[in-house]
Structures are given as C-alpha cells and as structure tokens.
C-alpha atoms as a PDB file:
ATOM      1  CA  MET A   1      -0.023  -0.061   0.017  1.00  0.00           C
ATOM      2  CA  CYS A   2       1.275   3.419  -0.856  1.00  0.00           C
ATOM      3  CA  GLY A   3       1.964   5.976   1.852  1.00  0.00           C
ATOM      4  CA  ILE A   4       1.271   9.646   2.177  1.00  0.00           C
ATOM      5  CA  CYS A   5       2.617  12.191   4.722  1.00  0.00           C
ATOM      6  CA  GLY A   6       2.394  15.982   4.980  1.00  0.00           C
ATOM      7  CA  TYR A   7       1.859  19.077   6.864  1.00  0.00           C
ATOM      8  CA  PHE A   8      -0.042  22.355   6.466  1.00  0.00           C
ATOM      9  CA  ASP A   9       0.313  25.724   8.075  1.00  0.00           C
ATOM     10  CA  LEU A  10      -2.998  27.484   7.716  1.00  0.00           C
ATOM     11  CA  LYS A  11      -1.642  30.707   9.402  1.00  0.00           C
ATOM     12  CA  LYS A  12       1.146  30.796   6.637  1.00  0.00           C
ATOM     13  CA  GLU A  13       3.857  31.529   9.214  1.00  0.00           C
ATOM     14  CA  LYS A  14       6.430  29.406   7.409  1.00  0.00           C
ATOM     15  CA  SER A  15       6.997  28.324   3.910  1.00  0.00           C
ATOM     16  CA  PRO A  16       7.025  24.415   3.465  1.00  0.00           C
ATOM     17  CA  ASP A  17      10.300  22.866   3.435  1.00  0.00           C
ATOM     18  CA  GLN A  18      10.933  19.970   0.803  1.00  0.00           C
ATOM     19  CA  LYS A  19      13.728  18.542   3.032  1.00  0.00           C
ATOM     20  CA  ILE A  20      11.171  18.056   5.911  1.00  0.00           C
ATOM     21  CA  LEU A  21       8.781  16.253   3.498  1.00  0.00           C
ATOM     22  CA  GLU A  22      11.659  14.160   2.167  1.00  0.00           C
ATOM     23  CA  ALA A  23      12.671  13.150   5.719  1.00  0.00           C
ATOM     24  CA  MET A  24       9.055  12.234   6.525  1.00  0.00           C
ATOM     25  CA  ALA A  25       8.633  10.162   3.321  1.00  0.00           C
ATOM     26  CA  ASN A  26      11.893   8.353   4.166  1.00  0.00           C
ATOM     27  CA  LYS A  27      10.369   7.209   7.362  1.00  0.00           C
ATOM     28  CA  ILE A  28       7.531   5.475   5.397  1.00  0.00           C
ATOM     29  CA  ILE A  29       9.588   4.110   2.674  1.00  0.00           C
ATOM     30  CA  HIS A  30       8.335   0.654   3.535  1.00  0.00           C
ATOM     31  CA  ARG A  31       4.874   1.776   2.267  1.00  0.00           C
ATOM     32  CA  GLY A  32       6.198   2.547  -1.068  1.00  0.00           C
ATOM     33  CA  PRO A  33       9.834   1.794  -2.038  1.00  0.00           C
ATOM     34  CA  ASP A  34       9.307   2.231  -5.932  1.00  0.00           C
ATOM     35  CA  SER A  35       9.020   5.964  -6.259  1.00  0.00           C
ATOM     36  CA  SER A  36       8.393   9.102  -4.413  1.00  0.00           C
ATOM     37  CA  GLY A  37       6.634  12.437  -5.184  1.00  0.00           C
ATOM     38  CA  TYR A  38       6.168  15.852  -3.520  1.00  0.00           C
ATOM     39  CA  PHE A  39       3.812  18.700  -3.736  1.00  0.00           C
ATOM     40  CA  LEU A  40       4.442  22.204  -1.998  1.00  0.00           C
ATOM     41  CA  ASP A  41       2.490  25.330  -1.997  1.00  0.00           C
ATOM     42  CA  ASN A  42       2.198  28.418   0.206  1.00  0.00           C
ATOM     43  CA  TYR A  43       0.333  26.403   2.917  1.00  0.00           C
ATOM     44  CA  GLY A  44       2.340  23.316   3.256  1.00  0.00           C
ATOM     45  CA  GLY A  45       3.117  20.263   1.318  1.00  0.00           C
ATOM     46  CA  MET A  46       2.582  16.414   0.829  1.00  0.00           C
ATOM     47  CA  GLY A  47       5.112  13.654   0.439  1.00  0.00           C
ATOM     48  CA  LEU A  48       4.075  10.439  -1.187  1.00  0.00           C
ATOM     49  CA  ARG A  49       5.627   6.901  -1.460  1.00  0.00           C
ATOM     50  CA  ARG A  50       4.413   4.588  -4.227  1.00  0.00           C
ATOM     51  CA  LEU A  51       4.390   0.784  -4.275  1.00  0.00           C
ATOM     52  CA  SER A  52       3.944  -0.245  -7.979  1.00  0.00           C
ATOM     53  CA  LEU A  53       1.732  -3.353  -7.977  1.00  0.00           C
ATOM     54  CA  ILE A  54      -0.509  -2.227 -10.818  1.00  0.00           C
ATOM     55  CA  ASP A  55      -0.296   0.234 -13.547  1.00  0.00           C
ATOM     56  CA  LEU A  56       3.499   0.017 -13.519  1.00  0.00           C
ATOM     57  CA  GLN A  57       4.241   2.461 -16.259  1.00  0.00           C
ATOM     58  CA  GLY A  58       1.792   5.213 -15.043  1.00  0.00           C
ATOM     59  CA  GLY A  59       0.501   6.193 -11.731  1.00  0.00           C
ATOM     60  CA  GLU A  60       3.168   8.577 -10.625  1.00  0.00           C
ATOM     61  CA  GLN A  61       2.143  10.582  -7.611  1.00  0.00           C
ATOM     62  CA  PRO A  62       1.110  13.148  -6.690  1.00  0.00           C
ATOM     63  CA  LEU A  63      -1.983  13.015  -9.219  1.00  0.00           C
ATOM     64  CA  TYR A  64      -2.933  16.129 -11.031  1.00  0.00           C
ATOM     65  CA  ASN A  65      -5.836  17.041 -13.287  1.00  0.00           C
ATOM     66  CA  GLU A  66      -5.281  17.744 -17.022  1.00  0.00           C
ATOM     67  CA  ASP A  67      -3.985  21.422 -16.618  1.00  0.00           C
ATOM     68  CA  LYS A  68      -2.339  20.712 -13.191  1.00  0.00           C
ATOM     69  CA  SER A  69      -4.666  23.265 -11.375  1.00  0.00           C
ATOM     70  CA  ILE A  70      -5.799  20.447  -8.869  1.00  0.00           C
ATOM     71  CA  VAL A  71      -3.580  18.007  -7.048  1.00  0.00           C
END
C-alpha cells in the first residue's frame, strides 16, 4: 500500500520545506519503495511513497488534473 505524509500551516507563518517532507517520506519508505513524489504550495506540502503493484508505467504521484490546477 502506498504512503502519504505532509503538513499544512493555515496561518502561513512558514514556507513548506521539501527537506522536511523528504525526511517524513523516508520514514515510511516501507509503504512505497518504488518511487516518491512531492507537492508544495504556500500552505504546506505532501510527500508520497509509491508501491508499484498495478499500472507499473503510469500512476506517478502526486496526481494532477489535466491542466495541473488541482492536485
């Protein structure tokens, strides 16, 4: 099963830090050792770990809509 982690700061006191997300995602590498992905914006970010069982060629995470306006 894939893994997800992240944090959000609704007060916008700090910008998200990809190094923190990478450290968080590395803690759950057992949930998805095949690939990782990250999303950051003004409020926080998400880290994702992928376990490739199906859809081996596609399925990269995070998932976006067609024009990448929604994650």
